[in-house]
Amino acid sequence: MSNVFEMRRDRQEFRDEAETTDMALFVRASDETLNGWNRQRIVDALLRETDIDLDTAKEIAREVEDLIAASRIKMITAPLIRELVDAKLIERGLEQTRKMHTRLGMPSTTWINSFFTPIRRMPMSLMA
């Protein structure tokens, strides 16, 4: 049987997860598509692009979400979210992690993947 503290923690974790989908916020991606807000995308990007641990990634994502919610903005761009995450990394003294996460024209994972993706050539019959 769960004690009171476990029940409160479980209820808070549920509320934390529910709040993410409750935000009436749209994110404009670099390809000009509009997506609904999803805090987990910040966590996923931090884990994919840096050496940060899961708990810290979740804390940073929550702080960025709180900052955006407090601003009452209804639409935000993906690059601005990335900059807010970078600012939180700097606040925590995680300069090396920020360098890994910083976007230089495009995310490093994008250009690394495109560098290692073979180029498809047009068949000679279509070139004439």
Protein backbone atom coordinates (compact mmCIF):
# COMPACT_ATOMS: atom_id res chain seq x y z
CA MET A 1 0.00 0.00 0.00
CA SER A 2 1.33 3.45 -0.93
CA ASN A 3 2.01 5.99 1.75
CA VAL A 4 0.82 9.59 1.54
CA PHE A 5 4.16 10.89 0.26
CA GLU A 6 4.26 8.38 -2.60
CA MET A 7 0.69 9.23 -3.57
CA ARG A 8 1.50 12.95 -3.61
CA ARG A 9 4.61 12.35 -5.70
CA ASP A 10 2.66 10.18 -8.15
CA ARG A 11 -0.06 12.82 -8.43
CA GLN A 12 2.57 15.57 -8.97
CA GLU A 13 4.32 13.50 -11.67
CA PHE A 14 0.99 12.98 -13.41
CA ARG A 15 0.23 16.71 -13.19
CA ASP A 16 3.70 17.53 -14.55
CA GLU A 17 3.11 15.30 -17.57
CA ALA A 18 -0.44 16.57 -18.12
CA GLU A 19 0.62 20.22 -18.08
CA THR A 20 2.82 19.70 -21.12
CA THR A 21 -0.11 18.86 -23.34
CA ASP A 22 -2.36 21.46 -21.72
CA MET A 23 -0.29 24.42 -22.92
CA ALA A 24 -2.00 26.23 -25.80
CA LEU A 25 1.29 26.96 -27.50
CA PHE A 26 2.46 26.37 -31.05
CA VAL A 27 6.03 25.93 -32.18
CA ARG A 28 7.07 27.03 -35.66
CA ALA A 29 9.77 24.69 -36.91
CA SER A 30 12.50 25.65 -39.37
CA ASP A 31 10.53 23.96 -42.16
CA GLU A 32 7.66 26.41 -41.41
CA THR A 33 5.34 23.74 -39.96
CA LEU A 34 3.38 24.42 -36.78
CA ASN A 35 3.53 21.83 -34.03
CA GLY A 36 1.92 21.69 -30.62
CA TRP A 37 4.11 22.24 -27.56
CA ASN A 38 5.86 19.14 -26.22
CA ARG A 39 8.41 19.48 -23.42
CA GLN A 40 9.70 15.97 -24.14
CA ARG A 41 11.15 17.21 -27.44
CA ILE A 42 13.59 19.37 -25.46
CA VAL A 43 14.58 16.38 -23.33
CA ASP A 44 15.03 14.21 -26.43
CA ALA A 45 17.17 16.84 -28.19
CA LEU A 46 19.40 17.31 -25.15
CA LEU A 47 19.91 13.56 -24.77
CA ARG A 48 20.53 13.08 -28.50
CA GLU A 49 22.86 16.05 -29.03
CA THR A 50 24.75 16.31 -25.73
CA ASP A 51 26.21 14.24 -22.91
CA ILE A 52 23.71 15.53 -20.33
CA ASP A 53 21.94 13.13 -17.96
CA LEU A 54 18.20 12.46 -18.10
CA ASP A 55 17.30 14.20 -14.82
CA THR A 56 19.13 17.40 -15.76
CA ALA A 57 17.55 17.36 -19.23
CA LYS A 58 14.09 17.07 -17.66
CA GLU A 59 14.83 19.90 -15.21
CA ILE A 60 16.02 22.20 -17.98
CA ALA A 61 13.01 21.35 -20.15
CA ARG A 62 10.70 22.15 -17.23
CA GLU A 63 12.46 25.48 -16.57
CA VAL A 64 12.21 26.47 -20.24
CA GLU A 65 8.54 25.49 -20.31
CA ASP A 66 7.88 27.57 -17.18
CA LEU A 67 9.66 30.55 -18.72
CA ILE A 68 7.63 30.29 -21.93
CA ALA A 69 4.37 29.81 -20.01
CA ALA A 70 5.10 32.87 -17.86
CA SER A 71 5.62 34.94 -21.02
CA ARG A 72 2.08 34.07 -22.16
CA ILE A 73 3.31 33.75 -25.72
CA LYS A 74 1.08 31.69 -28.01
CA MET A 75 3.60 30.88 -30.76
CA ILE A 76 7.36 30.44 -30.51
CA THR A 77 10.04 29.35 -32.94
CA ALA A 78 12.19 26.26 -32.54
CA PRO A 79 15.40 28.35 -32.73
CA LEU A 80 14.20 30.54 -29.85
CA ILE A 81 13.48 27.44 -27.76
CA ARG A 82 17.01 26.22 -28.54
CA GLU A 83 18.43 29.58 -27.38
CA LEU A 84 16.40 29.44 -24.15
CA VAL A 85 17.73 25.92 -23.50
CA ASP A 86 21.27 27.16 -24.17
CA ALA A 87 20.73 30.00 -21.67
CA LYS A 88 19.64 27.47 -19.03
CA LEU A 89 22.75 25.39 -19.74
CA ILE A 90 24.91 28.48 -19.22
CA GLU A 91 23.10 29.28 -15.94
CA ARG A 92 24.10 25.83 -14.71
CA GLY A 93 27.73 26.27 -15.77
CA LEU A 94 27.40 23.66 -18.52
CA GLU A 95 29.36 25.55 -21.17
CA GLN A 96 30.68 22.41 -22.91
CA THR A 97 27.16 21.00 -23.09
CA ARG A 98 25.91 24.31 -24.50
CA LYS A 99 28.57 24.17 -27.20
CA MET A 100 27.36 20.68 -28.14
CA HIS A 101 23.76 21.91 -28.29
CA THR A 102 24.35 25.22 -30.07
CA ARG A 103 23.03 25.43 -33.59
CA LEU A 104 25.41 26.57 -36.31
CA GLY A 105 23.05 27.09 -39.23
CA MET A 106 21.57 23.66 -38.53
CA PRO A 107 21.79 21.21 -35.62
CA SER A 108 25.08 19.30 -35.59
CA THR A 109 23.23 15.97 -35.75
CA THR A 110 21.66 17.07 -39.05
CA TRP A 111 24.92 17.95 -40.78
CA ILE A 112 26.72 14.92 -39.35
CA ASN A 113 23.95 12.63 -40.63
CA SER A 114 23.92 14.31 -44.04
CA PHE A 115 27.71 14.05 -44.23
CA PHE A 116 27.54 10.28 -43.73
CA THR A 117 24.48 9.71 -45.93
CA PRO A 118 25.44 8.51 -49.40
CA ILE A 119 24.61 10.85 -52.26
CA ARG A 120 22.06 9.48 -54.68
CA ARG A 121 23.02 10.18 -58.23
CA MET A 122 20.62 10.75 -61.06
CA PRO A 123 20.59 7.89 -63.60
CA MET A 124 22.50 8.74 -66.77
CA SER A 125 19.38 8.14 -68.87
CA LEU A 126 17.64 11.08 -67.16
CA MET A 127 20.57 13.49 -67.54
CA ALA A 128 20.22 13.97 -71.32
